[in-house]
């Protein structure tokens, strides 16, 4: 979670560089993450937008109104929490400009390690800033909507993509500008006899699921599970065939899977921010084991240095490494 940038975002109000919004104001918060603390006297209604399922659920549990996509317009103010993905940041700022009322305030903050200074300079060239304030290893800056020209320029530089194979993606998604090399290696080593009920865990924008659908003739169902709302929406466009896939926006680490499968394929994430977190992949391996029928098979790819063998030993009756290259290893496991 972006603890320091969250503090930076609200610091201009605490420092009285910006006035608190009116109690009856409507404030849009794009990229909202759990754990923020509102300044004393900040009583305006917040409309939070967060498409990452674990954050979405945590914000809901804290009592906030939160949606995976923006709903409504004419907001008095927009807050934007910037992250590591420049294209996603710029698209969010464009959304903020379009959704606030004319003259509405847009406040943006992010960490210095994530490039907030270059983002500030970029926005200042498009829509002159009223001010900026560094704090908590980050920078907050703000401006008022005077038109939508800046939004149009930001969108023009960050359009949806169509990459190799005709897959539709967008900035901010995992491997949005190319097919991930690990997923390619896994796809190349999937058996041709997958049949019955199959699931793609951590499906992203749908590459593996599309490969399964194309290669396997004996499928009964194909279900895609993904925590990133926008990536799952892209997968709806990318995955289609004789079998009509089903799509589930879900956090596999905390939400149970109701269906049981003959096979699961997956390229699980292993990062939380910049830090490697093998525990994420381990948790999803356990979720895959629970979702498989007795005798069901798991096919997964992982970075070579990640120690998943012990987890596979504990969660499956047997497992074997079936392929590798200088970066990745592919496992087959049977429940």
Protein backbone atom coordinates (compact mmCIF):
# COMPACT_ATOMS: atom_id res chain seq x y z
CA UNK A 1 0.00 0.00 0.00
CA UNK A 2 1.16 3.53 -0.79
CA UNK A 3 1.36 4.76 2.80
CA UNK A 4 3.75 7.67 2.22
CA UNK A 5 2.11 9.00 -1.00
CA UNK A 6 -1.27 8.82 0.73
CA UNK A 7 0.06 11.12 3.44
CA UNK A 8 1.54 13.41 0.78
CA UNK A 9 -1.80 13.66 -1.03
CA UNK A 10 -3.60 15.10 1.98
CA UNK A 11 -0.70 17.18 3.31
CA UNK A 12 -1.63 20.39 1.41
CA UNK A 13 -4.91 20.45 3.33
CA UNK A 14 -3.17 19.81 6.65
CA UNK A 15 -0.62 22.54 5.90
CA UNK A 16 -3.43 24.92 4.88
CA UNK A 17 -1.88 25.37 1.45
CA UNK A 18 -5.31 24.32 0.18
CA UNK A 19 -8.64 25.03 1.86
CA UNK A 20 -10.70 22.09 3.06
CA UNK A 21 -13.60 21.28 0.73
CA UNK A 22 -17.10 22.27 1.78
CA UNK A 23 -19.05 19.68 3.74
CA UNK A 24 -21.52 19.36 0.85
CA UNK A 25 -18.79 19.04 -1.81
CA UNK A 26 -18.41 15.92 -3.93
CA UNK A 27 -14.82 14.68 -4.08
CA UNK A 28 -13.61 12.06 -6.55
CA UNK A 29 -10.60 9.96 -5.45
CA UNK A 30 -8.91 8.05 -8.29
CA UNK A 31 -6.48 5.27 -7.42
CA UNK A 32 -7.62 5.29 -3.80
CA UNK A 33 -5.80 2.84 -1.54
CA UNK A 34 -6.61 1.66 1.98
CA UNK A 35 -5.03 3.28 4.99
CA UNK A 36 -5.46 6.98 4.28
CA UNK A 37 -6.35 9.38 7.08
CA UNK A 38 -8.47 12.40 6.30
CA UNK A 39 -7.31 15.74 7.75
CA UNK A 40 -9.36 17.09 10.62
CA UNK A 41 -12.38 18.93 9.23
CA UNK A 42 -12.31 17.13 5.85
CA UNK A 43 -15.98 16.13 5.82
CA UNK A 44 -16.86 16.18 2.10
CA UNK A 45 -18.36 13.07 0.55
CA UNK A 46 -15.68 10.89 -1.05
CA UNK A 47 -16.32 8.79 -4.16
CA UNK A 48 -13.46 6.32 -4.35
CA UNK A 49 -12.33 4.52 -7.51
CA UNK A 50 -10.17 1.41 -7.23
CA UNK A 51 -10.07 -1.54 -9.65
CA UNK A 52 -7.63 -3.74 -7.72
CA UNK A 53 -9.87 -6.17 -5.89
CA UNK A 54 -7.96 -6.45 -2.56
CA UNK A 55 -7.86 -2.66 -2.18
CA UNK A 56 -11.47 -2.35 -3.34
CA UNK A 57 -12.65 -4.78 -0.65
CA UNK A 58 -10.56 -3.14 2.08
CA UNK A 59 -11.96 0.29 1.24
CA UNK A 60 -15.51 -1.08 1.21
CA UNK A 61 -14.89 -2.71 4.59
CA UNK A 62 -13.85 0.70 5.93
CA UNK A 63 -17.26 2.08 4.99
CA UNK A 64 -16.37 4.10 1.89
CA UNK A 65 -18.33 4.35 -1.35
CA UNK A 66 -16.01 2.72 -3.91
CA UNK A 67 -16.43 1.59 -7.52
CA UNK A 68 -13.98 -0.12 -9.91
CA UNK A 69 -14.60 2.58 -12.53
CA UNK A 70 -15.61 6.22 -12.31
CA UNK A 71 -19.32 6.87 -12.02
CA UNK A 72 -20.79 10.35 -12.30
CA UNK A 73 -19.42 13.76 -13.22
CA UNK A 74 -19.49 17.37 -12.08
CA UNK A 75 -17.34 16.69 -9.01
CA UNK A 76 -16.12 19.70 -7.06
CA UNK A 77 -12.67 18.21 -6.60
CA UNK A 78 -10.62 15.23 -7.74
CA UNK A 79 -7.78 13.55 -5.87
CA UNK A 80 -5.36 11.34 -7.82
CA UNK A 81 -2.92 8.96 -6.16
CA UNK A 82 -0.11 8.38 -8.66
CA UNK A 83 1.77 5.10 -8.82
CA UNK A 84 4.58 3.55 -10.81
CA UNK A 85 2.87 3.34 -14.20
CA UNK A 86 3.21 6.60 -16.08
CA UNK A 87 0.53 5.79 -18.64
CA UNK A 88 -1.98 4.82 -15.97
CA UNK A 89 -1.20 7.98 -14.01
CA UNK A 90 -1.78 10.18 -17.05
CA UNK A 91 -5.04 8.42 -17.92
CA UNK A 92 -6.27 8.94 -14.35
CA UNK A 93 -5.41 12.62 -14.47
CA UNK A 94 -7.28 12.91 -17.78
CA UNK A 95 -10.26 11.24 -16.13
CA UNK A 96 -10.05 13.63 -13.20
CA UNK A 97 -10.06 16.67 -15.51
CA UNK A 98 -13.06 15.36 -17.43
CA UNK A 99 -15.05 14.48 -14.33
CA UNK A 100 -14.66 17.66 -12.26
CA UNK A 101 -16.83 20.68 -12.89
CA UNK A 102 -15.31 23.72 -14.66
CA UNK A 103 -13.04 25.43 -12.15
CA UNK A 104 -12.85 22.27 -10.07
CA UNK A 105 -9.61 21.47 -8.25
CA UNK A 106 -7.43 18.48 -9.21
CA UNK A 107 -4.87 17.39 -6.61
CA UNK A 108 -2.23 14.77 -7.46
CA UNK A 109 0.46 13.15 -5.32
CA UNK A 110 3.00 10.38 -5.61
CA UNK A 111 6.37 9.17 -4.43
CA UNK A 112 9.65 10.59 -5.70
CA UNK A 113 10.90 7.07 -6.46
CA UNK A 114 7.90 6.58 -8.75
CA UNK A 115 8.65 9.61 -10.93
CA UNK A 116 6.27 12.17 -9.46
CA UNK A 117 8.61 15.07 -10.32
CA UNK A 118 8.59 14.28 -14.04
CA UNK A 119 4.81 13.84 -13.92
CA UNK A 120 4.45 17.25 -12.25
CA UNK A 121 6.53 18.89 -14.98
CA UNK A 122 4.53 17.13 -17.68
CA UNK A 123 1.19 18.30 -16.28
CA UNK A 124 2.50 21.84 -15.73
CA UNK A 125 3.20 22.08 -19.47
CA UNK A 126 -0.41 21.11 -20.26
CA UNK A 127 -2.28 22.91 -17.51
CA UNK A 128 -0.32 25.44 -15.42
CA UNK A 129 -0.15 24.45 -11.78
CA UNK A 130 -1.40 26.57 -8.91
CA UNK A 131 1.13 25.07 -6.55
CA UNK A 132 3.07 22.06 -5.32
CA UNK A 133 4.33 20.86 -1.95
CA UNK A 134 6.89 18.16 -1.09
CA UNK A 135 6.38 15.95 1.95
CA UNK A 136 6.81 12.33 3.06
CA UNK A 137 9.30 11.49 0.28
CA UNK A 138 6.78 12.62 -2.32
CA UNK A 139 5.24 15.65 -3.96
CA UNK A 140 1.66 16.92 -4.15
CA UNK A 141 0.65 19.38 -6.86
CA UNK A 142 -2.62 20.90 -7.98
CA UNK A 143 -4.39 22.90 -10.67
CA UNK A 144 -7.93 23.85 -11.68
CA UNK A 145 -9.88 22.65 -14.66
CA UNK A 146 -10.00 25.39 -17.28
CA UNK A 147 -10.96 23.12 -20.17
CA UNK A 148 -10.41 19.58 -21.44
CA UNK A 149 -7.49 20.19 -23.79
CA UNK A 150 -5.02 18.78 -21.25
CA UNK A 151 -7.15 15.66 -20.84
CA UNK A 152 -7.24 15.15 -24.60
CA UNK A 153 -3.44 15.45 -24.81
CA UNK A 154 -2.95 12.97 -21.98
CA UNK A 155 -5.32 10.48 -23.57
CA UNK A 156 -3.71 10.87 -27.00
CA UNK A 157 -0.39 9.74 -25.56
CA UNK A 158 -1.83 6.79 -23.65
CA UNK A 159 -4.34 5.08 -25.89
CA UNK A 160 -5.48 1.48 -25.59
CA UNK A 161 -3.09 -0.85 -27.42
CA UNK A 162 -3.44 -3.80 -29.76
CA UNK A 163 -0.33 -5.94 -29.42
CA UNK A 164 1.06 -9.07 -31.04
CA UNK A 165 -1.73 -11.55 -31.68
CA UNK A 166 -4.41 -8.85 -31.76
CA UNK A 167 -4.77 -8.65 -27.98
CA UNK A 168 -6.29 -5.44 -26.62
CA UNK A 169 -4.56 -3.97 -23.57
CA UNK A 170 -4.07 -0.62 -21.81
CA UNK A 171 -1.36 1.09 -19.72
CA UNK A 172 -1.25 -0.07 -16.11
CA UNK A 173 -2.03 -3.72 -16.83
CA UNK A 174 0.62 -6.38 -16.28
CA UNK A 175 2.73 -6.73 -19.44
CA UNK A 176 0.44 -4.34 -21.34
CA UNK A 177 2.86 -3.69 -24.21
CA UNK A 178 3.92 -7.28 -25.00
CA UNK A 179 3.08 -10.89 -24.30
CA UNK A 180 4.87 -11.85 -21.09
CA UNK A 181 7.80 -14.21 -21.73
CA UNK A 182 6.87 -16.45 -18.79
CA UNK A 183 3.32 -16.83 -20.03
CA UNK A 184 4.66 -17.69 -23.50
CA UNK A 185 6.85 -20.43 -22.04
CA UNK A 186 3.92 -21.86 -20.11
CA UNK A 187 1.63 -21.77 -23.14
CA UNK A 188 4.25 -23.57 -25.25
CA UNK A 189 4.39 -26.39 -22.70
CA UNK A 190 0.70 -26.91 -22.01
CA UNK A 191 -0.57 -30.36 -22.96
CA UNK A 192 -2.87 -30.64 -25.94
CA UNK A 193 -5.36 -32.82 -24.05
CA UNK A 194 -6.76 -30.31 -21.56
CA UNK A 195 -10.44 -31.06 -21.18
CA UNK A 196 -13.38 -30.62 -18.89
CA UNK A 197 -13.60 -27.62 -16.61
CA UNK A 198 -10.48 -25.41 -16.82
CA UNK A 199 -9.61 -22.17 -15.02
CA UNK A 200 -6.99 -19.48 -15.60
CA UNK A 201 -5.97 -18.00 -12.25
CA UNK A 202 -4.47 -14.47 -12.41
CA UNK A 203 -5.70 -14.30 -15.99
CA UNK A 204 -4.64 -10.71 -16.70
CA UNK A 205 -5.86 -9.53 -20.09
CA UNK A 206 -6.40 -13.10 -21.23
CA UNK A 207 -3.37 -14.40 -23.12
CA UNK A 208 -3.15 -17.83 -21.44
CA UNK A 209 -6.89 -18.35 -21.52
CA UNK A 210 -6.94 -17.51 -25.23
CA UNK A 211 -4.16 -20.05 -25.84
CA UNK A 212 -6.01 -22.73 -23.88
CA UNK A 213 -9.21 -22.04 -25.79
CA UNK A 214 -7.42 -22.26 -29.12
CA UNK A 215 -5.42 -25.43 -28.38
CA UNK A 216 -7.85 -27.57 -26.38
CA UNK A 217 -10.80 -29.23 -28.07
CA UNK A 218 -12.30 -31.01 -25.07
CA UNK A 219 -13.18 -28.04 -22.88
CA UNK A 220 -16.51 -27.95 -21.10
CA UNK A 221 -15.97 -24.60 -19.40
CA UNK A 222 -13.21 -22.00 -19.22
CA UNK A 223 -13.22 -19.57 -16.29
CA UNK A 224 -10.93 -16.56 -15.86
CA UNK A 225 -10.09 -15.20 -12.39
CA UNK A 226 -8.38 -11.83 -12.07
CA UNK A 227 -7.98 -9.13 -9.38
CA UNK A 228 -7.40 -6.22 -11.81
CA UNK A 229 -10.80 -5.03 -13.00
CA UNK A 230 -9.55 -3.31 -16.15
CA UNK A 231 -7.42 -6.29 -17.17
CA UNK A 232 -10.44 -8.56 -16.77
CA UNK A 233 -12.52 -6.20 -18.91
CA UNK A 234 -9.81 -6.43 -21.59
CA UNK A 235 -9.90 -10.22 -21.31
CA UNK A 236 -13.60 -10.12 -22.17
CA UNK A 237 -12.55 -8.67 -25.53
CA UNK A 238 -9.58 -10.99 -26.03
CA UNK A 239 -10.90 -14.42 -25.09
CA UNK A 240 -13.64 -15.92 -27.22
CA UNK A 241 -14.32 -19.13 -29.10
CA UNK A 242 -16.66 -22.11 -29.28
CA UNK A 243 -16.82 -22.18 -25.48
CA UNK A 244 -18.18 -18.98 -23.92
CA UNK A 245 -15.71 -18.08 -21.15
CA UNK A 246 -16.80 -16.85 -17.74
CA UNK A 247 -15.08 -14.00 -15.95
CA UNK A 248 -14.62 -13.49 -12.20
CA UNK A 249 -13.25 -10.34 -10.58
CA UNK A 250 -11.83 -11.86 -7.42
CA UNK A 251 -9.00 -11.78 -4.90
CA UNK A 252 -7.83 -15.39 -4.90
CA UNK A 253 -5.94 -14.88 -1.63
CA UNK A 254 -9.01 -13.95 0.41
CA UNK A 255 -12.10 -14.97 -1.59
CA UNK A 256 -13.04 -18.59 -2.07
CA UNK A 257 -13.54 -20.23 -5.47
CA UNK A 258 -16.90 -22.00 -5.58
CA UNK A 259 -16.34 -24.16 -8.67
CA UNK A 260 -14.07 -27.21 -8.97
CA UNK A 261 -11.80 -27.79 -11.95
CA UNK A 262 -10.05 -30.52 -13.89
CA UNK A 263 -7.13 -28.19 -14.60
CA UNK A 264 -5.84 -24.77 -13.60
CA UNK A 265 -3.26 -22.75 -15.54
CA UNK A 266 -1.61 -19.71 -14.03
CA UNK A 267 1.19 -17.18 -14.02
CA UNK A 268 0.82 -15.84 -10.48
CA UNK A 269 2.13 -12.42 -9.43
CA UNK A 270 5.05 -12.28 -7.05
CA UNK A 271 5.49 -8.53 -6.44
CA UNK A 272 3.89 -6.11 -4.03
CA UNK A 273 5.02 -2.72 -5.29
CA UNK A 274 8.77 -2.97 -5.89
CA UNK A 275 9.38 -5.81 -3.43
CA UNK A 276 9.31 -9.50 -4.32
CA UNK A 277 6.62 -11.27 -2.30
CA UNK A 278 6.77 -15.04 -2.92
CA UNK A 279 3.99 -15.39 -0.36
CA UNK A 280 1.50 -14.08 -2.93
CA UNK A 281 2.30 -16.89 -5.36
CA UNK A 282 2.32 -19.42 -2.52
CA UNK A 283 -1.18 -18.36 -1.47
CA UNK A 284 -2.46 -18.68 -5.03
CA UNK A 285 -0.89 -22.15 -5.34
CA UNK A 286 -2.87 -23.17 -2.27
CA UNK A 287 -6.02 -21.63 -3.76
CA UNK A 288 -5.45 -23.60 -6.96
CA UNK A 289 -5.09 -26.84 -5.02
CA UNK A 290 -8.40 -26.21 -3.23
CA UNK A 291 -10.14 -25.41 -6.53
CA UNK A 292 -9.00 -28.60 -8.26
CA UNK A 293 -10.88 -31.88 -8.23
CA UNK A 294 -8.99 -34.93 -6.89
CA UNK A 295 -6.53 -35.87 -9.61
CA UNK A 296 -6.84 -32.41 -11.17
CA UNK A 297 -3.75 -30.81 -12.70
CA UNK A 298 -2.02 -27.47 -12.19
CA UNK A 299 0.23 -25.90 -14.82
CA UNK A 300 2.11 -22.81 -13.67
CA UNK A 301 5.13 -20.67 -14.51
CA UNK A 302 7.36 -18.84 -12.06
CA UNK A 303 10.63 -16.95 -11.97
CA UNK A 304 13.47 -19.42 -11.51
CA UNK A 305 14.65 -17.97 -8.19
CA UNK A 306 11.27 -18.28 -6.45
CA UNK A 307 11.12 -21.20 -3.97
CA UNK A 308 7.72 -22.67 -4.81
CA UNK A 309 8.77 -26.34 -4.72
CA UNK A 310 8.05 -26.72 -0.98
CA UNK A 311 4.60 -25.17 -1.39
CA UNK A 312 3.83 -27.54 -4.27
CA UNK A 313 5.03 -30.47 -2.12
CA UNK A 314 2.62 -29.51 0.64
CA UNK A 315 -0.39 -28.69 -1.55
CA UNK A 316 -0.21 -31.43 -4.21
CA UNK A 317 0.27 -35.19 -4.38
CA UNK A 318 3.06 -34.78 -6.94
CA UNK A 319 4.76 -32.13 -9.05
CA UNK A 320 7.50 -31.93 -11.66
CA UNK A 321 9.35 -29.20 -13.51
CA UNK A 322 8.50 -29.71 -17.18
CA UNK A 323 10.37 -26.80 -18.78
CA UNK A 324 12.69 -23.90 -18.01
CA UNK A 325 14.81 -21.22 -19.60
CA UNK A 326 17.27 -18.72 -18.14
CA UNK A 327 14.46 -16.77 -16.44
CA UNK A 328 11.47 -19.04 -15.81
CA UNK A 329 10.47 -22.55 -14.80
CA UNK A 330 7.23 -24.36 -15.61
CA UNK A 331 5.63 -26.83 -13.22
CA UNK A 332 3.00 -29.49 -13.62
CA UNK A 333 1.36 -30.69 -10.40
CA UNK A 334 -1.39 -33.19 -9.65
CA UNK A 335 -3.77 -32.93 -6.72
